[in-house]
Amino acid sequence: MANKLVQHIPLSILDLAPITEGNNAVVTFRNSLRLAQRAEELGYRRYWLAEHHNMESVASSATSVLIGYIAGGTNTIRVGSGGIMLPNHAPLVVAEQFGTLASLYPGRIDLGLGRAPGTDQVTARALRRNHMESAQDFPDDVTALQTYFSADNSSSKVRAIPGEGLDIPIWILGSSTDSARLAAHMGLPYAFASHFAPTHFLNAIALYRQNFRPSQHLARPYVMACVNVIAADTNEEAEWLATSFFQLATGIITGRRRALQPPVESMEGLWGEYEEEAVRQMMKFTFIGDRKTVGSGLADFQQRTQLDELMVTSHIYDPQARIHSYEVLKSIQDESFFSS
């Protein structure tokens, strides 16, 4: 029997703006825009970009600038951050940036916030210089952002213009129970990074739902989770495409990061037993295969989690194959391939 809930939950995309081997950021940005435009045609709800720094394989370091580029090249899809790493920025600067984006593209901008630096500690210090904010200041910084966006802040000595009085949805992003508690306490939507941090996922979303306090922003809990999907016309093709993802993940585990590599026929010699086990554990919520395989896996995942929205990221070397993966995923939903 078709799982009606899975059929109708919104699908969204997280783009890490991958720099592929042999290419540069210029190519990456063009590929991201093509993907966003196709996602809009297919009916995806959101297109989010993530803030990372000092990573050879990621081009989305100036996240708000890239959000403007994607929003300017599309018409209806929501565009946002998954997320802005708030300890790296003064809340006023974020409020002004996203106030500008929301003024240019009204009703289409989301602000997802994370408490991690999105990089190593040395780079984090270079980003912050004399800015002493840390993860411990995150709740106060979120509150400060809400204040800057509030129309009631018009009499304050410090105002976000543009930004003040604009309805810019704030999301709490996280990979732990701490972020779940904060999102529940503040009555904000919650997005979990289950695509790379599966350990606390089920506990975190349960805690969020149990402790949610309705707010002026949200009446009931709203959970979105991100997973890895590599879909193709056959299982064999999908497994081959996935070797680029496995190489990338192995580089994260070993600290030998590189641009996203082309697929290979076999991972033998590219990872050892320990690396493979670590990658598969870290990337637990990864769905690779054809329509039937991916559909069955996602139906089981949704049955266990009862998500309100599913966000997908796909580390695929060839840009057209990456677009096709999202086409396959949408066809799975549209053609009721999800089954329970």
Protein backbone atom coordinates (compact mmCIF):
# COMPACT_ATOMS: atom_id res chain seq x y z
CA MET A 1 0.00 0.00 0.00
CA ALA A 2 1.42 3.39 -0.95
CA ASN A 3 2.58 5.56 1.90
CA LYS A 4 0.44 8.66 1.40
CA LEU A 5 2.44 10.75 3.85
CA VAL A 6 5.70 10.09 2.02
CA GLN A 7 4.08 10.85 -1.31
CA HIS A 8 3.05 14.30 -0.22
CA ILE A 9 5.76 15.58 2.11
CA PRO A 10 7.76 18.41 0.54
CA LEU A 11 11.15 17.58 -0.96
CA SER A 12 14.01 20.06 -0.73
CA ILE A 13 17.69 20.23 -1.69
CA LEU A 14 20.86 21.00 0.24
CA ASP A 15 23.66 22.07 -2.08
CA LEU A 16 27.21 22.04 -0.75
CA ALA A 17 28.34 23.70 -4.00
CA PRO A 18 30.86 20.95 -4.77
CA ILE A 19 34.05 21.83 -6.61
CA THR A 20 34.79 18.88 -8.86
CA GLU A 21 38.26 17.66 -9.81
CA GLY A 22 39.53 19.62 -12.82
CA ASN A 23 37.05 22.48 -12.38
CA ASN A 24 36.76 25.64 -10.30
CA ALA A 25 34.19 27.69 -8.40
CA VAL A 26 32.95 29.38 -11.58
CA VAL A 27 31.85 26.02 -12.95
CA THR A 28 30.40 25.06 -9.57
CA PHE A 29 28.19 28.14 -9.38
CA ARG A 30 26.84 27.62 -12.89
CA ASN A 31 26.08 23.99 -12.10
CA SER A 32 24.30 24.98 -8.89
CA LEU A 33 22.12 27.46 -10.73
CA ARG A 34 21.19 24.85 -13.36
CA LEU A 35 20.26 22.42 -10.62
CA ALA A 36 18.18 25.03 -8.79
CA GLN A 37 16.33 25.93 -11.97
CA ARG A 38 15.56 22.28 -12.69
CA ALA A 39 14.53 21.71 -9.07
CA GLU A 40 12.10 24.59 -9.37
CA GLU A 41 10.60 23.03 -12.51
CA LEU A 42 10.25 19.69 -10.72
CA GLY A 43 8.46 21.19 -7.73
CA TYR A 44 11.08 21.01 -5.00
CA ARG A 45 10.22 23.36 -2.15
CA ARG A 46 13.59 24.73 -0.99
CA TYR A 47 17.14 25.07 -2.22
CA TRP A 48 19.56 25.63 0.63
CA LEU A 49 23.29 26.30 0.62
CA ALA A 50 25.70 25.51 3.44
CA GLU A 51 28.44 27.66 4.92
CA HIS A 52 31.83 25.95 4.96
CA HIS A 53 35.32 27.43 4.93
CA ASN A 54 38.81 26.36 3.92
CA MET A 55 37.56 23.24 2.11
CA GLU A 56 38.90 22.45 -1.34
CA SER A 57 35.69 20.68 -2.34
CA VAL A 58 33.17 23.33 -1.20
CA ALA A 59 32.53 26.69 -2.89
CA SER A 60 29.74 28.07 -0.67
CA SER A 61 31.86 30.01 1.82
CA ALA A 62 30.18 33.35 0.98
CA THR A 63 26.79 31.79 1.56
CA SER A 64 24.54 34.84 1.49
CA VAL A 65 26.12 36.03 -1.77
CA LEU A 66 25.50 32.64 -3.38
CA ILE A 67 21.91 32.59 -2.09
CA GLY A 68 21.35 35.88 -3.93
CA TYR A 69 22.78 34.41 -7.13
CA ILE A 70 20.52 31.36 -6.95
CA ALA A 71 17.43 33.36 -5.97
CA GLY A 72 18.10 35.82 -8.80
CA GLY A 73 18.22 33.00 -11.33
CA THR A 74 14.98 31.34 -10.18
CA ASN A 75 11.42 32.53 -9.67
CA THR A 76 9.45 30.55 -7.09
CA ILE A 77 11.60 28.07 -5.18
CA ARG A 78 12.56 29.10 -1.65
CA VAL A 79 16.29 29.72 -1.26
CA GLY A 80 18.14 29.79 2.02
CA SER A 81 20.98 28.75 4.25
CA GLY A 82 21.58 25.30 5.57
CA GLY A 83 23.08 27.02 7.31
CA ILE A 84 24.68 30.26 8.32
CA MET A 85 27.19 29.39 11.05
CA LEU A 86 26.17 32.10 13.46
CA PRO A 87 29.29 32.13 15.70
CA ASN A 88 31.23 33.36 12.66
CA HIS A 89 29.09 36.48 12.26
CA ALA A 90 27.66 39.38 14.21
CA PRO A 91 23.85 38.95 14.31
CA LEU A 92 23.36 42.48 12.97
CA VAL A 93 25.38 41.66 9.84
CA VAL A 94 23.32 38.51 9.25
CA ALA A 95 20.09 40.47 9.78
CA GLU A 96 21.15 43.09 7.23
CA GLN A 97 22.28 40.49 4.69
CA PHE A 98 19.11 38.43 4.91
CA GLY A 99 16.98 41.55 5.14
CA THR A 100 18.51 42.58 1.83
CA LEU A 101 17.87 39.15 0.31
CA ALA A 102 14.27 39.10 1.56
CA SER A 103 13.69 42.59 0.16
CA LEU A 104 15.02 41.54 -3.25
CA TYR A 105 13.20 38.18 -3.27
CA PRO A 106 10.16 38.58 -1.00
CA GLY A 107 8.58 35.47 0.40
CA ARG A 108 11.38 33.21 -0.81
CA ILE A 109 14.25 33.47 1.69
CA ASP A 110 14.92 31.09 4.61
CA LEU A 111 17.52 31.58 7.34
CA GLY A 112 18.84 28.32 8.75
CA LEU A 113 21.24 28.81 11.65
CA GLY A 114 23.99 26.55 12.99
CA ARG A 115 26.11 26.81 16.10
CA ALA A 116 29.29 25.17 14.70
CA PRO A 117 32.00 27.11 12.85
CA GLY A 118 31.72 25.06 9.65
CA THR A 119 35.48 24.68 9.51
CA ASP A 120 38.58 23.87 11.57
CA GLN A 121 39.50 25.87 14.65
CA VAL A 122 42.42 27.70 13.02
CA THR A 123 40.18 28.94 10.22
CA ALA A 124 37.43 29.78 12.71
CA ARG A 125 39.85 32.09 14.54
CA ALA A 126 40.82 33.71 11.23
CA LEU A 127 37.15 34.30 10.44
CA ARG A 128 36.31 35.82 13.79
CA ARG A 129 39.49 37.81 14.47
CA ASN A 130 38.48 39.88 17.50
CA HIS A 131 34.89 38.66 17.37
CA MET A 132 34.59 36.56 20.53
CA GLU A 133 31.25 34.86 19.91
CA SER A 134 31.15 31.08 20.37
CA ALA A 135 28.69 28.21 20.29
CA GLN A 136 27.76 29.04 23.88
CA ASP A 137 26.43 32.41 22.72
CA PHE A 138 24.24 30.82 20.06
CA PRO A 139 20.85 31.10 21.86
CA ASP A 140 21.42 34.78 22.63
CA ASP A 141 22.51 35.43 19.05
CA VAL A 142 19.34 33.81 17.70
CA THR A 143 17.28 36.01 20.01
CA ALA A 144 19.22 39.05 18.82
CA LEU A 145 18.40 38.17 15.22
CA GLN A 146 14.72 37.85 16.05
CA THR A 147 14.87 41.27 17.68
CA TYR A 148 16.47 42.86 14.62
CA PHE A 149 13.76 41.38 12.38
CA SER A 150 10.97 42.55 14.67
CA ALA A 151 8.96 45.66 13.81
CA ASP A 152 9.04 46.48 17.52
CA ASN A 153 12.76 47.18 17.22
CA SER A 154 12.07 50.42 15.35
CA SER A 155 12.75 52.55 18.43
CA SER A 156 16.04 50.82 19.24
CA LYS A 157 19.39 52.56 18.89
CA VAL A 158 20.61 49.64 16.73
CA ARG A 159 18.39 48.60 13.83
CA ALA A 160 18.70 46.25 10.84
CA ILE A 161 17.77 48.18 7.71
CA PRO A 162 16.78 46.36 5.59
CA GLY A 163 15.57 43.52 7.76
CA GLU A 164 13.38 45.20 10.31
CA GLY A 165 9.74 44.11 10.11
CA LEU A 166 10.36 41.41 7.51
CA ASP A 167 8.98 37.90 7.84
CA ILE A 168 12.13 35.81 7.39
CA PRO A 169 11.68 32.25 8.69
CA ILE A 170 14.42 31.20 11.09
CA TRP A 171 15.31 27.52 11.38
CA ILE A 172 17.50 25.89 13.99
CA LEU A 173 19.93 23.44 12.42
CA GLY A 174 21.70 20.79 14.38
CA SER A 175 23.29 17.42 14.83
CA SER A 176 22.75 16.96 18.57
CA THR A 177 20.12 17.04 21.29
CA ASP A 178 21.30 20.52 22.35
CA SER A 179 20.01 22.05 19.13
CA ALA A 180 16.77 20.09 19.49
CA ARG A 181 16.18 21.54 22.95
CA LEU A 182 16.82 25.07 21.71
CA ALA A 183 14.49 24.74 18.71
CA ALA A 184 11.77 23.30 20.94
CA HIS A 185 12.20 26.01 23.57
CA MET A 186 12.07 28.82 20.98
CA GLY A 187 9.19 27.29 19.01
CA LEU A 188 11.15 27.24 15.75
CA PRO A 189 11.34 24.66 12.94
CA TYR A 190 14.14 22.13 13.31
CA ALA A 191 16.41 20.72 10.60
CA PHE A 192 18.71 17.82 11.49
CA ALA A 193 21.96 17.00 9.70
CA SER A 194 21.34 13.27 9.51
CA HIS A 195 23.28 13.12 6.23
CA PHE A 196 26.54 13.12 8.18
CA ALA A 197 25.62 12.91 11.89
CA PRO A 198 23.20 10.00 12.41
CA THR A 199 24.08 9.13 16.00
CA HIS A 200 21.66 11.39 17.89
CA PHE A 201 19.12 11.85 15.10
CA LEU A 202 16.16 9.82 16.38
CA ASN A 203 16.63 10.96 19.99
CA ALA A 204 16.94 14.59 18.93
CA ILE A 205 13.76 14.74 16.86
CA ALA A 206 11.82 12.89 19.59
CA LEU A 207 13.09 15.34 22.20
CA TYR A 208 12.19 18.29 19.96
CA ARG A 209 8.64 17.05 19.45
CA GLN A 210 8.11 16.22 23.12
CA ASN A 211 9.35 19.59 24.37
CA PHE A 212 8.07 21.90 21.65
CA ARG A 213 6.54 25.14 22.86
CA PRO A 214 4.22 26.88 20.38
CA SER A 215 5.33 30.37 19.42
CA GLN A 216 4.22 33.24 17.24
CA HIS A 217 6.38 31.68 14.54
CA LEU A 218 5.14 28.08 14.68
CA ALA A 219 2.07 26.42 16.19
CA ARG A 220 3.30 22.82 16.09
CA PRO A 221 6.66 21.08 15.76
CA TYR A 222 8.10 20.92 12.25
CA VAL A 223 10.96 18.52 11.52
CA MET A 224 13.07 18.38 8.40
CA ALA A 225 16.01 16.01 8.04
CA CYS A 226 18.70 15.85 5.40
CA VAL A 227 19.81 12.55 3.84
CA ASN A 228 22.18 11.52 1.07
CA VAL A 229 20.54 10.23 -2.10
CA ILE A 230 22.27 8.99 -5.24
CA ALA A 231 19.62 7.77 -7.64
CA ALA A 232 19.98 6.54 -11.20
CA ASP A 233 18.18 4.38 -13.73
CA THR A 234 19.88 1.22 -12.46
CA ASN A 235 21.35 0.08 -9.16
CA GLU A 236 24.69 -0.54 -10.88
CA GLU A 237 24.93 3.00 -12.24
CA ALA A 238 23.98 4.50 -8.87
CA GLU A 239 26.62 2.42 -7.07
CA TRP A 240 29.21 3.57 -9.58
CA LEU A 241 28.22 7.23 -9.18
CA ALA A 242 28.38 6.80 -5.39
CA THR A 243 32.12 6.12 -5.48
CA SER A 244 32.69 9.87 -5.84
CA PHE A 245 30.76 10.34 -2.61
CA PHE A 246 32.70 7.55 -0.91
CA GLN A 247 36.00 9.11 -1.93
CA LEU A 248 34.87 12.47 -0.53
CA ALA A 249 33.72 10.91 2.75
CA THR A 250 36.97 8.95 3.05
CA GLY A 251 38.87 12.21 2.72
CA ILE A 252 36.81 13.68 5.57
CA ILE A 253 37.60 10.66 7.76
CA THR A 254 41.32 10.66 7.01
CA GLY A 255 41.80 14.43 6.82
CA ARG A 256 43.00 14.17 3.20
CA ARG A 257 40.38 16.38 1.60
CA ARG A 258 40.26 16.87 -2.15
CA ALA A 259 37.90 18.23 -4.77
CA LEU A 260 35.05 15.85 -5.62
CA GLN A 261 36.61 13.03 -7.64
CA PRO A 262 35.25 11.21 -10.71
CA PRO A 263 33.63 7.81 -10.11
CA VAL A 264 35.82 4.70 -10.09
CA GLU A 265 35.07 1.07 -10.83
CA SER A 266 36.09 -0.01 -7.34
CA MET A 267 36.97 1.56 -4.00
CA GLU A 268 39.58 -1.12 -3.41
CA GLY A 269 42.82 0.57 -2.49
CA LEU A 270 41.08 3.91 -1.91
CA TRP A 271 39.81 3.01 1.54
CA GLY A 272 40.76 0.42 4.11
CA GLU A 273 38.51 -1.62 6.35
CA TYR A 274 38.52 1.06 9.06
CA GLU A 275 37.79 3.90 6.63
CA GLU A 276 34.95 2.01 4.97
CA GLU A 277 33.35 1.19 8.30
CA ALA A 278 33.70 4.80 9.49
CA VAL A 279 32.24 6.19 6.26
CA ARG A 280 29.28 3.83 6.30
CA GLN A 281 28.58 4.65 9.95
CA MET A 282 28.83 8.41 9.42
CA MET A 283 26.78 8.22 6.22
CA LYS A 284 24.20 5.81 7.66
CA PHE A 285 21.25 7.62 6.15
CA THR A 286 22.35 7.26 2.56
CA PHE A 287 20.09 5.87 -0.18
CA ILE A 288 21.73 4.61 -3.36
CA GLY A 289 20.03 2.85 -6.24
CA ASP A 290 17.27 2.89 -8.81
CA ARG A 291 13.68 4.01 -8.26
CA LYS A 292 12.61 0.83 -6.49
CA THR A 293 15.65 0.62 -4.20
CA VAL A 294 15.68 4.28 -3.19
CA GLY A 295 11.90 4.40 -2.90
CA SER A 296 11.79 1.41 -0.57
CA GLY A 297 14.59 2.77 1.60
CA LEU A 298 13.05 6.22 1.91
CA ALA A 299 9.61 4.79 2.68
CA ASP A 300 11.09 2.86 5.60
CA PHE A 301 12.99 5.96 6.73
CA GLN A 302 9.83 8.06 6.66
CA GLN A 303 7.86 5.38 8.47
CA ARG A 304 10.38 5.54 11.33
CA THR A 305 10.74 9.31 11.48
CA GLN A 306 7.41 10.82 10.32
CA LEU A 307 9.20 13.85 8.92
CA ASP A 308 7.33 16.98 7.87
CA GLU A 309 9.85 17.58 5.07
CA LEU A 310 12.76 15.73 3.51
CA MET A 311 15.92 17.50 2.38
CA VAL A 312 18.36 15.72 0.09
CA THR A 313 21.99 16.25 -0.79
CA SER A 314 23.70 14.38 -3.63
CA HIS A 315 27.47 14.27 -4.08
CA ILE A 316 27.69 13.31 -7.75
CA TYR A 317 30.62 14.26 -9.97
CA ASP A 318 28.82 14.74 -13.28
CA PRO A 319 26.42 17.73 -13.11
CA GLN A 320 23.87 16.17 -15.46
CA ALA A 321 23.90 12.92 -13.47
CA ARG A 322 23.31 14.99 -10.33
CA ILE A 323 20.31 16.68 -11.92
CA HIS A 324 19.03 13.31 -13.09
CA SER A 325 19.30 11.93 -9.57
CA TYR A 326 16.88 14.61 -8.39
CA GLU A 327 14.64 13.88 -11.35
CA VAL A 328 14.58 10.21 -10.39
CA LEU A 329 13.82 11.08 -6.77
CA LYS A 330 10.92 13.31 -7.73
CA SER A 331 9.56 10.62 -10.05
CA ILE A 332 9.70 8.16 -7.14
CA GLN A 333 7.44 10.48 -5.18
CA ASP A 334 5.19 11.44 -8.07
CA GLU A 335 4.73 7.86 -9.28
CA SER A 336 4.14 6.43 -5.78
CA PHE A 337 7.23 4.25 -5.80
CA PHE A 338 7.53 4.82 -2.04
CA SER A 339 5.90 1.87 -0.33
CA SER A 340 5.43 0.93 3.28
